[in-house]
Amino acid sequence: MNIKDSVVLVTGANRGLGKALAEAALKAGARKVYGGARNPDSVTTPGVTPIKLDVTNAGDIAAAVRTIPDLTILINNAGIFSGTDLNAANALAVMRQELDTNFFGPMALSSAFAPALKDNGGGAIVNVLSALAWITLPGTGTYSVSKAAAWALTNGLRSELQAQKTQVLAAHMGYMDTDMAAAVDAAKTAPAEVARLIVAALENGDDEVLVDEVSRQVKQGLGAPRGIYLGTPLAG
């Protein structure tokens, strides 16, 4: 996918990785970059056109499709993380919120924009996922479910949109240096570096990009004799 002269929409573009992705798209020569956020006034990156977009709001999605009929790249970046275990008292309510943003939002946007992408030559969809789509750690239970669902969605979209020549890129990562991971005491990758690697993968025509050592190690562990997703065996 050639970024130069493309028309890009980045959701959750007001901060963190979304902001970095919008900046990276501009640097790569995109003709126009739209930054979606619940509050468009919070999108302040020079050169980025703010657009009101709550990814859980059907009206906002429909308005975005009308506003950007020439879209060629959709980047589903908006996401939320609650830090909730599956057995927590509020897990069901929290999971619904995370699924709404992390799964149903990208699904609705991808479906809504697919006809425009087809009309504009195929284009591309990028889904920002996580190494936590493959494993679950303490405090990530509901979030991991939402990202696992988003990973399955990404693979399904890639298959179904192949005929219209739409590239579908899955971006997996460990911890990034953003507000979402502020409380995590671990090595973190700068959002600008993650964005650079995602843009490079788009331009290479890749289907998947693993942006750091954590995501590469987790992916490798999926094929271990005892898959990393199985966790520690019960004591016998």
Protein backbone atom coordinates (compact mmCIF):
# COMPACT_ATOMS: atom_id res chain seq x y z
CA MET A 1 0.00 0.00 0.00
CA ASN A 2 1.47 3.31 -1.08
CA ILE A 3 1.03 5.92 1.66
CA LYS A 4 1.97 8.82 -0.60
CA ASP A 5 -1.15 10.72 -1.75
CA SER A 6 -3.40 8.42 0.31
CA VAL A 7 -6.37 9.54 2.41
CA VAL A 8 -6.11 8.20 5.96
CA LEU A 9 -8.44 7.95 8.94
CA VAL A 10 -6.90 7.19 12.33
CA THR A 11 -9.25 6.52 15.23
CA GLY A 12 -8.21 7.59 18.70
CA ALA A 13 -5.86 10.12 17.10
CA ASN A 14 -5.78 12.62 19.95
CA ARG A 15 -2.93 11.01 21.90
CA GLY A 16 -0.53 8.09 22.22
CA LEU A 17 -0.17 5.73 19.30
CA GLY A 18 -3.06 7.30 17.38
CA LYS A 19 -1.35 10.68 17.38
CA ALA A 20 1.94 9.06 16.35
CA LEU A 21 0.23 7.17 13.51
CA ALA A 22 -1.35 10.36 12.19
CA GLU A 23 2.04 12.07 12.28
CA ALA A 24 3.71 9.09 10.57
CA ALA A 25 1.11 9.07 7.79
CA LEU A 26 1.72 12.76 7.13
CA LYS A 27 5.47 12.20 7.11
CA ALA A 28 5.03 9.36 4.60
CA GLY A 29 3.24 11.71 2.21
CA ALA A 30 -0.46 11.11 2.82
CA ARG A 31 -2.58 13.66 0.96
CA LYS A 32 -4.99 14.03 3.85
CA VAL A 33 -5.14 12.58 7.35
CA TYR A 34 -8.30 12.61 9.45
CA GLY A 35 -7.99 12.20 13.20
CA GLY A 36 -11.01 10.65 14.87
CA ALA A 37 -11.82 11.27 18.54
CA ARG A 38 -14.88 11.55 20.76
CA ASN A 39 -13.91 15.19 21.26
CA PRO A 40 -12.48 16.47 17.97
CA ASP A 41 -11.09 19.53 19.73
CA SER A 42 -8.57 17.20 21.40
CA VAL A 43 -6.98 16.42 18.01
CA THR A 44 -4.37 19.16 17.74
CA THR A 45 -1.67 17.70 15.46
CA PRO A 46 -0.79 20.21 12.71
CA GLY A 47 -1.95 18.97 9.32
CA VAL A 48 -4.48 16.49 10.75
CA THR A 49 -8.18 17.17 10.16
CA PRO A 50 -10.20 16.46 13.33
CA ILE A 51 -13.42 14.49 13.00
CA LYS A 52 -15.93 13.58 15.71
CA LEU A 53 -15.82 9.80 15.95
CA ASP A 54 -16.87 7.65 18.86
CA VAL A 55 -16.26 4.18 17.43
CA THR A 56 -19.17 2.80 19.49
CA ASN A 57 -21.63 5.31 17.98
CA ALA A 58 -23.36 4.24 14.77
CA GLY A 59 -24.29 7.83 13.93
CA ASP A 60 -20.68 9.00 14.17
CA ILE A 61 -19.55 6.13 11.93
CA ALA A 62 -22.17 6.90 9.29
CA ALA A 63 -21.20 10.57 9.35
CA ALA A 64 -17.53 9.66 8.92
CA VAL A 65 -18.33 7.57 5.85
CA ARG A 66 -20.20 10.50 4.33
CA THR A 67 -17.34 12.89 5.18
CA ILE A 68 -14.53 10.72 3.75
CA PRO A 69 -15.80 9.05 0.55
CA ASP A 70 -12.25 9.04 -0.84
CA LEU A 71 -10.73 7.07 2.06
CA THR A 72 -7.91 4.69 1.15
CA ILE A 73 -6.49 3.71 4.57
CA LEU A 74 -8.50 3.01 7.73
CA ILE A 75 -6.47 2.64 10.93
CA ASN A 76 -8.51 1.15 13.78
CA ASN A 77 -6.44 2.32 16.72
CA ALA A 78 -8.94 3.48 19.35
CA GLY A 79 -8.98 1.15 22.34
CA ILE A 80 -9.59 0.95 26.07
CA PHE A 81 -7.98 -1.13 28.81
CA SER A 82 -9.54 -1.67 32.24
CA GLY A 83 -7.09 -4.03 33.95
CA THR A 84 -9.89 -6.40 34.94
CA ASP A 85 -9.66 -10.13 35.69
CA LEU A 86 -12.30 -12.49 34.30
CA ASN A 87 -13.50 -13.41 37.79
CA ALA A 88 -13.84 -9.84 39.03
CA ALA A 89 -17.30 -8.83 40.25
CA ASN A 90 -17.66 -6.28 37.45
CA ALA A 91 -16.02 -8.36 34.72
CA LEU A 92 -19.14 -8.80 32.58
CA ALA A 93 -19.96 -5.10 32.47
CA VAL A 94 -16.33 -4.16 31.82
CA MET A 95 -15.97 -6.77 29.09
CA ARG A 96 -18.98 -5.35 27.27
CA GLN A 97 -17.36 -1.91 27.30
CA GLU A 98 -14.02 -3.24 26.06
CA LEU A 99 -15.66 -5.34 23.36
CA ASP A 100 -17.70 -2.33 22.21
CA THR A 101 -14.55 -0.26 21.66
CA ASN A 102 -11.88 -2.85 20.88
CA PHE A 103 -13.91 -5.25 18.74
CA PHE A 104 -17.32 -3.98 17.65
CA GLY A 105 -15.91 -0.53 16.85
CA PRO A 106 -13.30 -1.80 14.37
CA MET A 107 -15.82 -4.26 12.96
CA ALA A 108 -18.42 -1.55 12.35
CA LEU A 109 -15.92 0.87 10.84
CA SER A 110 -14.35 -1.76 8.59
CA SER A 111 -17.74 -2.86 7.33
CA ALA A 112 -18.92 0.70 6.79
CA PHE A 113 -15.81 1.80 4.88
CA ALA A 114 -15.24 -1.40 2.87
CA PRO A 115 -17.33 -0.18 -0.11
CA ALA A 116 -15.40 3.11 -0.24
CA LEU A 117 -12.08 1.28 -0.07
CA LYS A 118 -13.21 -0.92 -2.95
CA ASP A 119 -14.27 2.09 -5.02
CA ASN A 120 -10.91 3.73 -4.33
CA GLY A 121 -8.80 0.82 -5.55
CA GLY A 122 -8.81 -1.50 -2.53
CA GLY A 123 -6.83 0.47 0.01
CA ALA A 124 -5.97 -0.92 3.42
CA ILE A 125 -7.26 -1.53 6.93
CA VAL A 126 -4.92 -1.58 9.91
CA ASN A 127 -6.12 -3.10 13.16
CA VAL A 128 -4.01 -2.23 16.19
CA LEU A 129 -4.00 -5.40 18.27
CA SER A 130 -1.67 -6.66 21.01
CA ALA A 131 0.44 -9.59 22.11
CA LEU A 132 -2.41 -9.96 24.62
CA ALA A 133 -4.60 -11.21 21.78
CA TRP A 134 -2.61 -14.44 22.15
CA ILE A 135 -2.07 -14.71 25.92
CA THR A 136 -3.79 -13.64 29.11
CA LEU A 137 -1.91 -12.27 32.12
CA PRO A 138 -3.13 -11.30 35.59
CA GLY A 139 -5.20 -8.15 35.20
CA THR A 140 -5.69 -8.50 31.43
CA GLY A 141 -8.53 -11.02 31.29
CA THR A 142 -11.31 -8.93 29.77
CA TYR A 143 -8.93 -6.94 27.58
CA SER A 144 -7.33 -10.10 26.20
CA VAL A 145 -10.76 -11.43 25.25
CA SER A 146 -11.51 -8.24 23.33
CA LYS A 147 -8.17 -8.30 21.51
CA ALA A 148 -8.45 -12.01 20.70
CA ALA A 149 -11.83 -11.27 19.12
CA ALA A 150 -10.29 -8.36 17.19
CA TRP A 151 -7.51 -10.65 15.94
CA ALA A 152 -10.08 -13.14 14.63
CA LEU A 153 -11.95 -10.24 13.04
CA THR A 154 -8.76 -9.08 11.34
CA ASN A 155 -8.07 -12.51 9.87
CA GLY A 156 -11.66 -12.80 8.66
CA LEU A 157 -11.60 -9.37 7.04
CA ARG A 158 -8.34 -10.21 5.27
CA SER A 159 -9.95 -13.27 3.71
CA GLU A 160 -13.25 -11.64 2.81
CA LEU A 161 -11.78 -8.42 1.39
CA GLN A 162 -9.03 -10.08 -0.63
CA ALA A 163 -11.18 -10.07 -3.75
CA GLN A 164 -11.48 -6.28 -3.65
CA LYS A 165 -7.69 -5.98 -3.13
CA THR A 166 -7.91 -4.49 0.36
CA GLN A 167 -4.76 -5.07 2.42
CA VAL A 168 -5.60 -5.97 6.04
CA LEU A 169 -2.70 -5.49 8.45
CA ALA A 170 -2.61 -6.85 12.00
CA ALA A 171 -0.26 -4.89 14.29
CA HIS A 172 0.82 -6.70 17.47
CA MET A 173 2.89 -5.20 20.26
CA GLY A 174 3.81 -5.56 23.90
CA TYR A 175 3.95 -2.48 26.09
CA MET A 176 4.08 1.03 24.65
CA ASP A 177 5.04 4.22 26.44
CA THR A 178 1.48 5.58 26.57
CA ASP A 179 -1.07 6.50 29.22
CA MET A 180 -2.61 3.03 28.94
CA ALA A 181 0.60 1.37 30.18
CA ALA A 182 1.69 4.13 32.56
CA ALA A 183 1.42 1.88 35.62
CA VAL A 184 3.35 -1.00 34.04
CA ASP A 185 6.94 -1.45 35.20
CA ALA A 186 8.45 -3.00 32.07
CA ALA A 187 10.33 -2.09 28.91
CA LYS A 188 8.13 0.02 26.63
CA THR A 189 8.40 1.00 22.98
CA ALA A 190 7.92 4.62 21.97
CA PRO A 191 4.66 5.21 20.03
CA ALA A 192 6.60 6.95 17.25
CA GLU A 193 8.67 3.81 16.67
CA VAL A 194 5.56 1.60 16.65
CA ALA A 195 3.92 3.95 14.15
CA ARG A 196 7.02 3.92 11.94
CA LEU A 197 7.02 0.12 11.81
CA ILE A 198 3.29 -0.02 11.05
CA VAL A 199 3.66 2.43 8.16
CA ALA A 200 6.64 0.46 6.83
CA ALA A 201 4.62 -2.78 7.00
CA LEU A 202 1.76 -1.13 5.13
CA GLU A 203 4.08 0.03 2.38
CA ASN A 204 5.63 -3.45 2.18
CA GLY A 205 2.21 -5.02 1.65
CA ASP A 206 2.52 -7.09 4.82
CA ASP A 207 -0.39 -8.86 6.53
CA GLU A 208 1.12 -8.75 10.01
CA VAL A 209 3.72 -6.73 11.89
CA LEU A 210 5.28 -7.60 15.24
CA VAL A 211 6.75 -4.34 16.47
CA ASP A 212 8.83 -5.44 19.44
CA GLU A 213 10.63 -8.36 21.06
CA VAL A 214 7.69 -9.14 23.36
CA SER A 215 5.26 -9.67 20.49
CA ARG A 216 7.84 -11.75 18.59
CA GLN A 217 8.52 -13.97 21.61
CA VAL A 218 4.82 -14.49 22.31
CA LYS A 219 4.12 -15.35 18.66
CA GLN A 220 6.97 -17.85 18.69
CA GLY A 221 5.64 -19.36 21.90
CA LEU A 222 2.31 -20.20 20.30
CA GLY A 223 3.95 -23.13 18.54
CA ALA A 224 5.87 -24.45 21.53
CA PRO A 225 5.18 -28.07 22.65
CA ARG A 226 3.15 -26.53 25.45
CA GLY A 227 1.80 -23.36 23.85
CA ILE A 228 2.51 -20.19 25.80
CA TYR A 229 -1.22 -19.45 25.92
CA LEU A 230 -1.74 -22.55 28.13
CA GLY A 231 0.07 -20.94 31.05
CA THR A 232 1.74 -22.87 33.88
CA PRO A 233 0.61 -26.50 34.30
CA LEU A 234 -1.31 -27.45 37.42
CA ALA A 235 0.82 -29.11 40.05
CA GLY A 236 0.18 -32.85 39.87
